[in-house]
């Protein structure tokens, strides 16, 4: 329940502090006095958006603060989930700075607008004079049934699954588009992969082939030079080995005379051993070296193939080419993996569709079951408030389409008079009939869905006389177990209230302000009399006002 409202620097309100009580509170005032401005300020702490246009004084910030008694609402889980301090008397505050920056608070803890709005939905329900236009909206009609049916949890589950379904559908579309693009290049990649696979690339192979080609291309020269070398070392008449052996013999013959000669002899002997080893290796290399034009041709072809592939794929080495081959194969593998993922998501999509359809069917069945109860309750109410022959019929048609809140299309059919066939409500109801009908619907919903504070903003448009009195009695009934704030221009309704606030304009220092005062006693009689006869208050109007108040 709203127990206090403070407004600073909002529209033409400089500063206001109001207190509220349980039950029925009427808010009255001349047209343009600022009744709707009060509602606009309250809307700020309920999470509605605002900008600097709300500032009365552009050099100061706007502050709207509301205190709510939430002791009986069992809202502790909300505060825990949002890491907020819980108080039985909870404060919602909104500040709009001079630059238009908005800040919101719950019990002095900064919150975002979503959090503010999420809490406010448990506290206040506002129904304005223009809400009857919503009757043309499918979602609003369905919301009426769901609020009456306490169906909101099931609908929330449906919305959650539908959101998952849409996300999955979007992912599937993207995957399929990607796959289709991939398929266009798949054949080319498979050709490249096969070409590289047939080449049997081996890391380091190119350098090795290059070495072999160099050897084979110079095989005759190499063999000739190796043969000449071994001839010099050992086969020539005055070969190196022959001369070294002669040198060794000379040194051996004089080694007894000096130890240094012996050392020289040993060193020459080492040369002879090393030279023989060199000679052996040269002989071996000569024997292994051969002129093989066929093998050279094969190596040259392989070398050309590898270089051609390197150039074709615009890389600089065989190692980079092998990396390209791996990337191509990985891409081809990903095509298969992509299709597997698409197949898995398609299965998941079907499963989600079945779940959504199942829950949608449950919701539809509940709506169809509850529709006759709403019809009867609303019809009973509109009969009481001046449409004894009025009748409401609700048609719930289940479709195969997934809408935002289920699978149903809902039609409200209405007839205000006996013998007149039912037709779509938005096409046949007059303004006054629509106001009374919406009030009846609001009364029915209020009975089934508890909200501590309900605000009705001039929904009595098009109503007068005895009907206004009956509407006032209905409002009294609605206020029996909740706080009901009614902005009204009808004296019959204002007279039935427990509290009566009067909104008025005053000019101070050539500036116009909106102000509010509680009227009691003679002031209240005068306020209601003014609603009856205008500024010129007659004794007759005063007497009528007294009678209306006494009838409470």
Protein backbone atom coordinates (compact mmCIF):
# COMPACT_ATOMS: atom_id res chain seq x y z
CA UNK A 1 0.00 0.00 0.00
CA UNK A 2 1.19 3.51 -0.84
CA UNK A 3 1.45 5.42 2.45
CA UNK A 4 3.32 8.57 1.38
CA UNK A 5 4.34 10.40 -1.78
CA UNK A 6 6.86 13.24 -1.99
CA UNK A 7 7.35 15.22 -5.21
CA UNK A 8 10.01 17.88 -5.75
CA UNK A 9 10.46 19.96 -8.93
CA UNK A 10 8.21 17.94 -11.24
CA UNK A 11 6.27 19.64 -14.08
CA UNK A 12 4.43 22.51 -12.36
CA UNK A 13 4.76 20.95 -8.92
CA UNK A 14 7.37 22.76 -6.85
CA UNK A 15 7.05 20.64 -3.74
CA UNK A 16 4.36 18.27 -2.46
CA UNK A 17 4.08 15.81 0.40
CA UNK A 18 1.00 13.57 0.54
CA UNK A 19 -0.01 10.76 2.88
CA UNK A 20 -2.46 8.01 1.98
CA UNK A 21 -4.54 5.45 3.84
CA UNK A 22 -6.16 2.14 3.03
CA UNK A 23 -9.55 1.99 1.33
CA UNK A 24 -11.07 4.46 -1.12
CA UNK A 25 -9.32 7.77 -1.83
CA UNK A 26 -10.77 10.27 -4.33
CA UNK A 27 -8.63 12.86 -6.10
CA UNK A 28 -10.57 15.70 -7.70
CA UNK A 29 -9.89 19.11 -9.19
CA UNK A 30 -10.66 21.28 -12.18
CA UNK A 31 -9.56 20.21 -15.63
CA UNK A 32 -5.93 21.17 -16.08
CA UNK A 33 -5.31 21.57 -12.35
CA UNK A 34 -2.70 18.83 -12.39
CA UNK A 35 -4.45 15.58 -11.38
CA UNK A 36 -2.70 13.66 -14.16
CA UNK A 37 0.60 15.34 -13.22
CA UNK A 38 0.37 13.54 -9.87
CA UNK A 39 -0.04 10.27 -11.72
CA UNK A 40 2.90 11.10 -13.99
CA UNK A 41 5.12 11.71 -10.98
CA UNK A 42 4.04 8.44 -9.41
CA UNK A 43 4.78 6.67 -12.68
CA UNK A 44 8.43 7.69 -12.34
CA UNK A 45 8.92 5.55 -9.24
CA UNK A 46 7.09 2.72 -10.98
CA UNK A 47 9.85 2.53 -13.60
CA UNK A 48 8.54 4.72 -16.43
CA UNK A 49 11.02 6.71 -18.51
CA UNK A 50 11.51 10.47 -18.19
CA UNK A 51 13.71 13.32 -19.42
CA UNK A 52 14.54 16.92 -18.51
CA UNK A 53 11.12 18.10 -19.74
CA UNK A 54 9.73 17.01 -16.35
CA UNK A 55 11.85 19.58 -14.50
CA UNK A 56 9.96 22.57 -13.07
CA UNK A 57 13.22 24.42 -12.34
CA UNK A 58 15.82 23.46 -14.97
CA UNK A 59 18.64 24.29 -12.53
CA UNK A 60 17.57 21.69 -9.96
CA UNK A 61 16.99 17.97 -10.02
CA UNK A 62 13.57 16.35 -9.79
CA UNK A 63 12.91 13.92 -6.93
CA UNK A 64 9.91 11.63 -6.55
CA UNK A 65 9.79 9.34 -3.53
CA UNK A 66 7.10 6.89 -2.46
CA UNK A 67 6.82 4.89 0.75
CA UNK A 68 5.01 1.54 0.53
CA UNK A 69 3.88 -0.81 3.26
CA UNK A 70 4.78 -4.26 1.89
CA UNK A 71 4.65 -6.25 5.14
CA UNK A 72 1.91 -8.61 3.97
CA UNK A 73 3.16 -9.10 0.39
CA UNK A 74 5.85 -11.76 0.99
CA UNK A 75 8.34 -9.98 -1.25
CA UNK A 76 11.47 -10.98 0.68
CA UNK A 77 12.64 -13.32 -2.17
CA UNK A 78 12.70 -10.36 -4.58
CA UNK A 79 14.99 -8.41 -2.26
CA UNK A 80 17.26 -11.42 -1.74
CA UNK A 81 17.48 -12.13 -5.48
CA UNK A 82 18.37 -8.50 -6.18
CA UNK A 83 20.75 -8.14 -3.23
CA UNK A 84 18.62 -5.39 -1.64
CA UNK A 85 17.85 -4.55 1.97
CA UNK A 86 14.30 -5.52 2.91
CA UNK A 87 12.10 -3.20 4.99
CA UNK A 88 8.40 -3.56 5.76
CA UNK A 89 8.14 0.12 4.82
CA UNK A 90 10.01 0.22 1.53
CA UNK A 91 11.02 3.42 -0.23
CA UNK A 92 11.12 3.81 -4.01
CA UNK A 93 12.91 6.96 -5.21
CA UNK A 94 13.64 8.45 -8.59
CA UNK A 95 15.92 11.37 -9.35
CA UNK A 96 16.16 13.23 -12.68
CA UNK A 97 19.21 15.49 -12.85
CA UNK A 98 19.44 18.86 -14.61
CA UNK A 99 21.18 17.08 -17.53
CA UNK A 100 18.43 14.48 -17.84
CA UNK A 101 20.35 11.66 -16.16
CA UNK A 102 18.03 9.34 -14.27
CA UNK A 103 18.81 7.45 -11.06
CA UNK A 104 16.56 4.98 -9.26
CA UNK A 105 16.73 3.67 -5.69
CA UNK A 106 15.05 1.00 -3.60
CA UNK A 107 15.63 1.61 0.11
CA UNK A 108 18.50 3.98 -0.79
CA UNK A 109 20.28 1.30 -2.87
CA UNK A 110 20.83 2.26 -6.54
CA UNK A 111 18.92 0.01 -8.97
CA UNK A 112 18.17 -0.02 -12.68
CA UNK A 113 14.74 0.76 -14.15
CA UNK A 114 14.03 -2.90 -14.80
CA UNK A 115 14.47 -3.74 -11.12
CA UNK A 116 12.30 -0.78 -10.14
CA UNK A 117 9.59 -1.84 -12.58
CA UNK A 118 9.81 -5.50 -11.48
CA UNK A 119 9.11 -4.51 -7.86
CA UNK A 120 6.45 -1.93 -8.78
CA UNK A 121 4.36 -4.55 -10.60
CA UNK A 122 3.65 -6.17 -7.21
CA UNK A 123 2.63 -2.87 -5.64
CA UNK A 124 0.49 -0.75 -7.99
CA UNK A 125 -1.88 -1.25 -10.90
CA UNK A 126 -2.78 1.89 -12.86
CA UNK A 127 -5.83 1.96 -15.11
CA UNK A 128 -6.32 5.18 -17.08
CA UNK A 129 -9.18 6.56 -19.12
CA UNK A 130 -7.38 5.58 -22.33
CA UNK A 131 -6.92 1.94 -21.30
CA UNK A 132 -10.21 1.06 -22.98
CA UNK A 133 -8.32 1.45 -26.28
CA UNK A 134 -6.30 -1.59 -25.25
CA UNK A 135 -9.42 -3.73 -25.62
CA UNK A 136 -8.55 -3.86 -29.33
CA UNK A 137 -5.19 -5.39 -28.44
CA UNK A 138 -4.94 -9.20 -28.43
CA UNK A 139 -2.32 -9.24 -25.69
CA UNK A 140 -4.47 -7.12 -23.39
CA UNK A 141 -7.49 -9.39 -23.83
CA UNK A 142 -5.36 -12.45 -23.10
CA UNK A 143 -3.80 -10.71 -20.09
CA UNK A 144 -7.28 -10.14 -18.66
CA UNK A 145 -8.02 -13.88 -18.83
CA UNK A 146 -4.59 -14.87 -17.50
CA UNK A 147 -4.79 -12.47 -14.55
CA UNK A 148 -8.19 -13.89 -13.64
CA UNK A 149 -6.95 -17.47 -14.12
CA UNK A 150 -3.70 -17.04 -12.16
CA UNK A 151 -2.13 -18.39 -15.32
CA UNK A 152 0.90 -16.09 -15.30
CA UNK A 153 3.52 -18.68 -14.22
CA UNK A 154 2.53 -21.05 -17.01
CA UNK A 155 2.57 -18.17 -19.51
CA UNK A 156 6.02 -17.11 -18.24
CA UNK A 157 7.23 -20.67 -18.83
CA UNK A 158 5.77 -20.57 -22.35
CA UNK A 159 7.51 -17.23 -23.04
CA UNK A 160 10.84 -18.60 -21.77
CA UNK A 161 10.64 -21.69 -23.99
CA UNK A 162 9.51 -19.57 -26.95
CA UNK A 163 12.51 -17.29 -26.45
CA UNK A 164 14.80 -20.34 -26.45
CA UNK A 165 13.05 -21.59 -29.58
CA UNK A 166 13.53 -18.29 -31.42
CA UNK A 167 17.20 -18.17 -30.41
CA UNK A 168 17.66 -21.74 -31.64
CA UNK A 169 15.85 -20.93 -34.89
CA UNK A 170 18.12 -17.93 -35.45
CA UNK A 171 21.19 -20.07 -34.82
CA UNK A 172 19.89 -22.70 -37.25
CA UNK A 173 19.32 -20.09 -39.95
CA UNK A 174 22.86 -18.77 -39.54
CA UNK A 175 24.33 -22.28 -39.55
CA UNK A 176 22.41 -23.25 -42.68
CA UNK A 177 23.44 -20.06 -44.47
CA UNK A 178 27.04 -20.75 -43.50
CA UNK A 179 26.72 -24.35 -44.64
CA UNK A 180 25.23 -23.35 -47.98
CA UNK A 181 28.11 -20.94 -48.57
CA UNK A 182 30.53 -23.67 -47.54
CA UNK A 183 28.99 -26.19 -49.93
CA UNK A 184 29.79 -23.86 -52.81
CA UNK A 185 33.49 -24.13 -52.04
CA UNK A 186 33.45 -27.73 -50.79
CA UNK A 187 34.09 -29.31 -54.20
CA UNK A 188 37.04 -27.03 -54.82
CA UNK A 189 38.49 -27.74 -51.37
CA UNK A 190 38.06 -31.49 -51.88
CA UNK A 191 39.95 -31.19 -55.18
CA UNK A 192 42.74 -29.29 -53.45
CA UNK A 193 42.84 -31.78 -50.61
CA UNK A 194 43.06 -34.72 -53.00
CA UNK A 195 45.77 -33.02 -55.05
CA UNK A 196 47.86 -32.36 -51.94
CA UNK A 197 47.18 -35.82 -50.54
CA UNK A 198 48.39 -37.43 -53.80
CA UNK A 199 51.56 -35.35 -53.57
CA UNK A 200 52.33 -37.07 -50.23
CA UNK A 201 54.09 -34.08 -48.79
CA UNK A 202 56.94 -34.77 -46.37
CA UNK A 203 58.52 -32.06 -44.25
CA UNK A 204 62.13 -31.34 -45.32
CA UNK A 205 61.71 -33.31 -48.56
CA UNK A 206 62.28 -30.38 -50.90
CA UNK A 207 65.73 -29.60 -49.55
CA UNK A 208 66.73 -33.25 -49.74
CA UNK A 209 65.55 -33.56 -53.35
CA UNK A 210 67.43 -30.42 -54.25
CA UNK A 211 70.65 -31.93 -52.84
CA UNK A 212 70.14 -35.19 -54.77
CA UNK A 213 69.42 -33.36 -58.01
CA UNK A 214 72.64 -31.37 -57.59
CA UNK A 215 74.62 -34.58 -57.10
CA UNK A 216 73.04 -36.43 -60.02
CA UNK A 217 73.34 -33.46 -62.36
CA UNK A 218 77.11 -33.36 -61.64
CA UNK A 219 77.65 -37.11 -61.34
CA UNK A 220 80.17 -37.41 -64.21
CA UNK A 221 82.27 -34.51 -62.94
CA UNK A 222 82.16 -35.84 -59.39
CA UNK A 223 83.12 -39.35 -60.43
CA UNK A 224 85.98 -38.00 -62.55
CA UNK A 225 87.34 -35.81 -59.79
CA UNK A 226 87.07 -38.57 -57.20
CA UNK A 227 88.96 -40.95 -59.53
CA UNK A 228 91.69 -38.37 -60.10
CA UNK A 229 91.93 -37.78 -56.37
CA UNK A 230 92.45 -41.44 -55.49
CA UNK A 231 94.99 -41.67 -58.34
CA UNK A 232 96.99 -38.82 -56.76
CA UNK A 233 96.81 -40.38 -53.32
CA UNK A 234 97.68 -44.00 -54.08
CA UNK A 235 97.83 -45.04 -57.74
CA UNK A 236 100.28 -42.62 -59.27
CA UNK A 237 103.94 -43.68 -59.64
CA UNK A 238 104.94 -40.88 -57.25
CA UNK A 239 101.71 -40.90 -55.29
CA UNK A 240 101.32 -39.05 -52.02
CA UNK A 241 101.20 -42.27 -50.03
CA UNK A 242 104.39 -43.57 -51.74
CA UNK A 243 106.22 -40.33 -50.92
CA UNK A 244 104.93 -40.32 -47.32
CA UNK A 245 106.09 -43.89 -46.81
CA UNK A 246 109.53 -42.91 -48.15
CA UNK A 247 109.49 -39.91 -45.75
CA UNK A 248 108.58 -42.16 -42.88
CA UNK A 249 111.44 -44.55 -43.72
CA UNK A 250 113.95 -41.70 -43.76
CA UNK A 251 112.85 -40.42 -40.39
CA UNK A 252 112.82 -43.91 -38.92
CA UNK A 253 116.43 -44.42 -39.95
CA UNK A 254 117.59 -41.41 -37.92
CA UNK A 255 115.14 -41.64 -35.02
CA UNK A 256 117.71 -43.44 -32.75
CA UNK A 257 119.85 -40.32 -32.78
CA UNK A 258 117.22 -37.92 -31.46
CA UNK A 259 113.84 -38.36 -29.84
CA UNK A 260 112.40 -35.50 -31.87
CA UNK A 261 112.97 -37.50 -35.05
CA UNK A 262 110.92 -40.29 -33.51
CA UNK A 263 108.07 -37.83 -32.84
CA UNK A 264 108.24 -36.56 -36.42
CA UNK A 265 108.14 -40.15 -37.63
CA UNK A 266 104.98 -40.80 -35.57
CA UNK A 267 103.32 -37.69 -36.96
CA UNK A 268 104.05 -38.79 -40.54
CA UNK A 269 102.66 -42.20 -39.66
CA UNK A 270 99.42 -40.49 -38.50
CA UNK A 271 99.25 -38.67 -41.84
CA UNK A 272 99.62 -41.94 -43.70
CA UNK A 273 96.77 -43.52 -41.68
CA UNK A 274 94.50 -40.46 -42.22
CA UNK A 275 95.31 -40.37 -45.95
CA UNK A 276 94.53 -44.05 -46.34
CA UNK A 277 91.16 -43.41 -44.67
CA UNK A 278 90.53 -40.48 -47.03
CA UNK A 279 91.52 -42.65 -49.96
CA UNK A 280 89.07 -45.35 -48.81
CA UNK A 281 86.20 -42.88 -48.53
CA UNK A 282 86.96 -41.35 -51.91
CA UNK A 283 86.96 -44.85 -53.44
CA UNK A 284 83.65 -45.62 -51.75
CA UNK A 285 82.07 -42.35 -52.93
CA UNK A 286 83.40 -42.98 -56.44
CA UNK A 287 81.88 -46.45 -56.49
CA UNK A 288 78.56 -45.14 -55.16
CA UNK A 289 78.47 -42.23 -57.53
CA UNK A 290 76.70 -43.11 -60.72
CA UNK A 291 75.19 -41.37 -63.68
CA UNK A 292 71.42 -42.15 -63.60
CA UNK A 293 69.43 -39.95 -66.00
CA UNK A 294 66.13 -41.75 -65.26
CA UNK A 295 66.33 -41.19 -61.51
CA UNK A 296 67.42 -37.61 -62.11
CA UNK A 297 64.35 -37.10 -64.28
CA UNK A 298 62.09 -38.51 -61.56
CA UNK A 299 63.62 -36.25 -58.94
CA UNK A 300 63.36 -33.23 -61.22
CA UNK A 301 59.68 -33.96 -61.85
CA UNK A 302 59.04 -34.28 -58.10
CA UNK A 303 60.94 -31.06 -57.43
CA UNK A 304 58.92 -29.22 -60.10
CA UNK A 305 55.63 -30.61 -58.71
CA UNK A 306 56.37 -29.43 -55.19
CA UNK A 307 57.41 -25.96 -56.38
CA UNK A 308 54.34 -25.73 -58.59
CA UNK A 309 52.09 -26.50 -55.57
CA UNK A 310 53.99 -23.97 -53.45
CA UNK A 311 53.44 -21.28 -56.08
CA UNK A 312 49.81 -22.32 -56.64
CA UNK A 313 48.95 -21.88 -52.96
CA UNK A 314 51.04 -18.70 -52.70
CA UNK A 315 53.35 -19.89 -49.94
CA UNK A 316 57.12 -19.84 -49.64
CA UNK A 317 58.02 -23.27 -48.36
CA UNK A 318 56.99 -26.91 -48.27
CA UNK A 319 56.26 -26.55 -44.54
CA UNK A 320 53.76 -23.76 -45.26
CA UNK A 321 52.20 -25.94 -47.96
CA UNK A 322 51.75 -28.77 -45.46
CA UNK A 323 50.06 -26.27 -43.12
CA UNK A 324 47.70 -25.28 -45.97
CA UNK A 325 46.86 -28.97 -46.50
CA UNK A 326 46.03 -29.35 -42.80
CA UNK A 327 43.84 -26.24 -42.86
CA UNK A 328 41.94 -27.49 -45.92
CA UNK A 329 41.35 -30.87 -44.29
CA UNK A 330 40.24 -29.16 -41.07
CA UNK A 331 37.78 -27.04 -43.03
CA UNK A 332 36.40 -30.09 -44.78
CA UNK A 333 36.05 -31.76 -41.40
CA UNK A 334 34.24 -28.70 -40.06
CA UNK A 335 31.68 -29.06 -42.88
CA UNK A 336 30.81 -32.46 -41.54
CA UNK A 337 30.83 -31.13 -37.98
CA UNK A 338 28.59 -28.25 -39.08
CA UNK A 339 26.02 -30.64 -40.53
CA UNK A 340 26.13 -32.73 -37.36
CA UNK A 341 25.41 -29.60 -35.34
CA UNK A 342 22.53 -28.65 -37.66
CA UNK A 343 21.07 -32.14 -37.28
CA UNK A 344 21.37 -31.93 -33.48
CA UNK A 345 19.71 -28.49 -33.40
CA UNK A 346 16.90 -29.72 -35.65
CA UNK A 347 16.19 -32.49 -33.13
CA UNK A 348 16.33 -29.96 -30.29
CA UNK A 349 13.98 -27.68 -32.23
CA UNK A 350 11.38 -30.43 -32.58
CA UNK A 351 11.65 -31.23 -28.87
CA UNK A 352 11.19 -27.53 -27.98
CA UNK A 353 8.25 -27.25 -30.37
CA UNK A 354 6.59 -30.20 -28.65
CA UNK A 355 7.17 -28.68 -25.20
CA UNK A 356 5.85 -25.29 -26.31
CA UNK A 357 2.83 -26.89 -27.97
CA UNK A 358 2.12 -28.93 -24.84
CA UNK A 359 2.29 -25.91 -22.51
CA UNK A 360 0.40 -23.77 -25.05
CA UNK A 361 -2.38 -26.36 -25.06
CA UNK A 362 -2.50 -26.32 -21.24
CA UNK A 363 -2.76 -22.53 -21.25
CA UNK A 364 -5.47 -22.63 -23.91
CA UNK A 365 -7.52 -25.19 -21.96
CA UNK A 366 -7.30 -23.10 -18.78
CA UNK A 367 -8.36 -19.97 -20.68
CA UNK A 368 -11.33 -21.79 -22.20
CA UNK A 369 -12.34 -23.11 -18.77
CA UNK A 370 -12.07 -19.70 -17.11
CA UNK A 371 -13.65 -17.62 -19.88
CA UNK A 372 -17.28 -18.44 -18.85
CA UNK A 373 -16.50 -17.43 -15.24
CA UNK A 374 -15.15 -14.07 -16.43
CA UNK A 375 -18.20 -13.62 -18.69
CA UNK A 376 -20.58 -14.23 -15.79
CA UNK A 377 -18.69 -12.04 -13.29
CA UNK A 378 -18.35 -9.13 -15.72
CA UNK A 379 -21.98 -9.45 -16.83
CA UNK A 380 -23.11 -9.41 -13.19
CA UNK A 381 -21.07 -6.24 -12.53
CA UNK A 382 -22.23 -4.34 -15.62
CA UNK A 383 -25.80 -5.23 -14.71
CA UNK A 384 -25.28 -3.57 -11.33
CA UNK A 385 -23.78 -0.41 -12.88
CA UNK A 386 -26.56 0.31 -15.32
CA UNK A 387 -26.47 -2.25 -18.12
CA UNK A 388 -29.00 -4.87 -16.97
CA UNK A 389 -29.20 -6.42 -20.41
CA UNK A 390 -25.50 -6.18 -21.15
CA UNK A 391 -23.71 -9.38 -22.04
CA UNK A 392 -20.05 -10.28 -22.58
CA UNK A 393 -18.92 -13.38 -24.41
CA UNK A 394 -15.27 -14.44 -24.67
CA UNK A 395 -14.16 -16.68 -27.52
CA UNK A 396 -10.81 -18.46 -27.16
CA UNK A 397 -9.59 -20.02 -30.38
CA UNK A 398 -6.48 -22.20 -30.25
CA UNK A 399 -4.24 -21.89 -33.33
CA UNK A 400 -1.09 -23.65 -34.53
CA UNK A 401 0.91 -20.44 -34.27
CA UNK A 402 3.18 -19.56 -31.36
CA UNK A 403 2.29 -16.05 -30.20
CA UNK A 404 4.15 -14.11 -27.52
CA UNK A 405 1.86 -15.40 -24.75
CA UNK A 406 0.42 -18.65 -26.08
CA UNK A 407 -1.34 -20.12 -29.08
CA UNK A 408 -4.72 -18.42 -28.77
CA UNK A 409 -6.67 -15.73 -30.54
CA UNK A 410 -9.20 -14.11 -28.20
CA UNK A 411 -12.31 -12.20 -29.20
CA UNK A 412 -14.51 -10.21 -26.81
CA UNK A 413 -18.10 -10.07 -28.05
CA UNK A 414 -20.53 -7.63 -26.45
CA UNK A 415 -24.11 -6.50 -26.55
CA UNK A 416 -25.50 -3.74 -24.35
CA UNK A 417 -29.18 -4.32 -25.13
CA UNK A 418 -31.55 -7.24 -25.28
CA UNK A 419 -32.26 -8.46 -28.80
CA UNK A 420 -29.08 -6.94 -30.21
CA UNK A 421 -26.68 -9.62 -31.51
CA UNK A 422 -23.23 -9.92 -29.99
CA UNK A 423 -20.42 -8.24 -31.93
CA UNK A 424 -16.77 -7.40 -31.35
CA UNK A 425 -16.66 -5.10 -28.35
CA UNK A 426 -14.46 -2.41 -29.92
CA UNK A 427 -16.96 -2.02 -32.78
CA UNK A 428 -20.21 -1.67 -30.81
CA UNK A 429 -19.54 -0.30 -27.29
CA UNK A 430 -20.01 3.44 -26.74
CA UNK A 431 -17.57 5.47 -24.65
CA UNK A 432 -19.70 5.23 -21.51
CA UNK A 433 -20.39 1.54 -22.04
CA UNK A 434 -16.70 0.91 -22.56
CA UNK A 435 -15.80 2.77 -19.35
CA UNK A 436 -18.29 0.73 -17.32
CA UNK A 437 -17.22 -2.48 -19.00
CA UNK A 438 -13.54 -1.82 -18.28
CA UNK A 439 -14.38 -0.96 -14.68
CA UNK A 440 -16.25 -4.25 -14.34
CA UNK A 441 -13.30 -6.14 -15.86
CA UNK A 442 -10.92 -4.33 -13.48
CA UNK A 443 -13.16 -5.25 -10.54
CA UNK A 444 -13.21 -8.92 -11.56
CA UNK A 445 -9.44 -9.04 -12.00
CA UNK A 446 -8.93 -7.26 -8.68
CA UNK A 447 -10.91 -9.98 -6.94
CA UNK A 448 -8.74 -12.75 -8.37
CA UNK A 449 -5.32 -11.04 -8.40
CA UNK A 450 -4.35 -9.17 -5.26
CA UNK A 451 -2.55 -5.88 -5.75
CA UNK A 452 -2.34 -3.64 -2.67
CA UNK A 453 -2.93 -0.43 -4.63
CA UNK A 454 -5.19 0.10 -7.65
CA UNK A 455 -5.35 3.51 -9.32
CA UNK A 456 -8.25 4.44 -11.59
CA UNK A 457 -7.58 7.55 -13.66
CA UNK A 458 -10.84 9.13 -14.88
CA UNK A 459 -12.27 5.89 -16.19
CA UNK A 460 -15.74 7.25 -15.38
CA UNK A 461 -15.84 9.17 -18.69
CA UNK A 462 -19.33 9.12 -20.25
CA UNK A 463 -21.03 8.19 -16.96
CA UNK A 464 -23.50 10.37 -15.03
CA UNK A 465 -26.60 10.37 -12.88
CA UNK A 466 -27.73 7.18 -11.18
CA UNK A 467 -25.13 5.13 -13.08
CA UNK A 468 -22.39 7.22 -11.49
CA UNK A 469 -23.80 6.38 -8.06
CA UNK A 470 -23.78 2.67 -8.88
CA UNK A 471 -20.22 2.90 -10.21
CA UNK A 472 -19.23 4.62 -6.96
CA UNK A 473 -20.72 1.74 -4.96
CA UNK A 474 -18.71 -0.71 -7.05
CA UNK A 475 -15.56 1.28 -6.34
CA UNK A 476 -16.39 1.15 -2.64
CA UNK A 477 -16.60 -2.63 -2.90
CA UNK A 478 -13.27 -2.80 -4.75
CA UNK A 479 -11.69 -0.72 -1.97
CA UNK A 480 -12.93 -3.00 0.81
CA UNK A 481 -9.75 -5.12 0.79
CA UNK A 482 -7.23 -2.85 -0.94
CA UNK A 483 -6.15 0.73 -1.43
CA UNK A 484 -8.09 2.32 -4.28
CA UNK A 485 -7.05 5.76 -5.58
CA UNK A 486 -9.57 7.25 -8.01
CA UNK A 487 -9.03 10.39 -10.08
CA UNK A 488 -12.57 11.45 -10.89
CA UNK A 489 -14.73 14.34 -12.08
CA UNK A 490 -17.98 12.84 -10.72
CA UNK A 491 -19.38 14.08 -7.38
CA UNK A 492 -21.19 10.78 -6.79
CA UNK A 493 -17.84 8.97 -6.82
CA UNK A 494 -15.90 11.56 -4.83
CA UNK A 495 -18.60 11.50 -2.14
CA UNK A 496 -18.15 7.76 -1.57
CA UNK A 497 -14.45 8.05 -0.78
CA UNK A 498 -12.85 7.61 2.62
CA UNK A 499 -10.25 10.30 1.88
CA UNK A 500 -10.68 13.20 -0.53
CA UNK A 501 -7.79 15.16 -2.03
CA UNK A 502 -8.41 18.33 -4.02
CA UNK A 503 -5.91 19.40 -6.70
CA UNK A 504 -5.72 23.07 -7.55
CA UNK A 505 -3.50 25.69 -9.18
CA UNK A 506 -2.19 28.79 -7.45
CA UNK A 507 -0.12 31.70 -8.71
CA UNK A 508 2.80 32.86 -6.54
CA UNK A 509 5.15 35.61 -7.74
CA UNK A 510 3.69 35.34 -11.26
CA UNK A 511 4.38 31.61 -11.38
CA UNK A 512 1.72 28.91 -11.56
CA UNK A 513 2.00 25.93 -9.24
CA UNK A 514 -0.04 22.78 -8.73
CA UNK A 515 -0.91 22.06 -5.13
CA UNK A 516 -2.96 19.43 -3.31
CA UNK A 517 -4.91 19.54 -0.07
CA UNK A 518 -7.04 17.07 1.80
CA UNK A 519 -10.62 18.32 2.11
CA UNK A 520 -12.75 17.42 5.11
CA UNK A 521 -15.94 18.74 6.65
CA UNK A 522 -17.23 21.91 5.06
CA UNK A 523 -14.29 22.06 2.64
CA UNK A 524 -15.25 18.65 1.30
CA UNK A 525 -18.90 19.63 0.93
CA UNK A 526 -17.80 22.73 -0.96
CA UNK A 527 -15.44 20.70 -3.21
CA UNK A 528 -18.19 18.26 -4.15
CA UNK A 529 -20.72 21.08 -4.58
CA UNK A 530 -18.31 22.76 -7.00
CA UNK A 531 -18.20 19.51 -9.00
CA UNK A 532 -21.99 19.70 -9.20
CA UNK A 533 -22.55 23.35 -10.08
CA UNK A 534 -19.20 24.83 -11.04
CA UNK A 535 -17.53 27.88 -9.49
CA UNK A 536 -20.86 29.47 -8.59
CA UNK A 537 -21.82 27.21 -5.68
CA UNK A 538 -25.53 27.27 -4.88
CA UNK A 539 -27.23 26.17 -1.65
CA UNK A 540 -28.93 23.49 -3.67
CA UNK A 541 -25.55 22.13 -4.79
CA UNK A 542 -24.31 22.17 -1.18
CA UNK A 543 -27.39 20.29 -0.02
CA UNK A 544 -26.92 17.73 -2.77
CA UNK A 545 -23.26 17.33 -1.80
CA UNK A 546 -24.28 16.73 1.81
CA UNK A 547 -26.83 14.13 0.72
CA UNK A 548 -24.25 12.33 -1.42
CA UNK A 549 -21.77 12.20 1.48
CA UNK A 550 -24.48 11.12 3.93
CA UNK A 551 -25.49 8.27 1.63
CA UNK A 552 -22.14 6.64 2.47
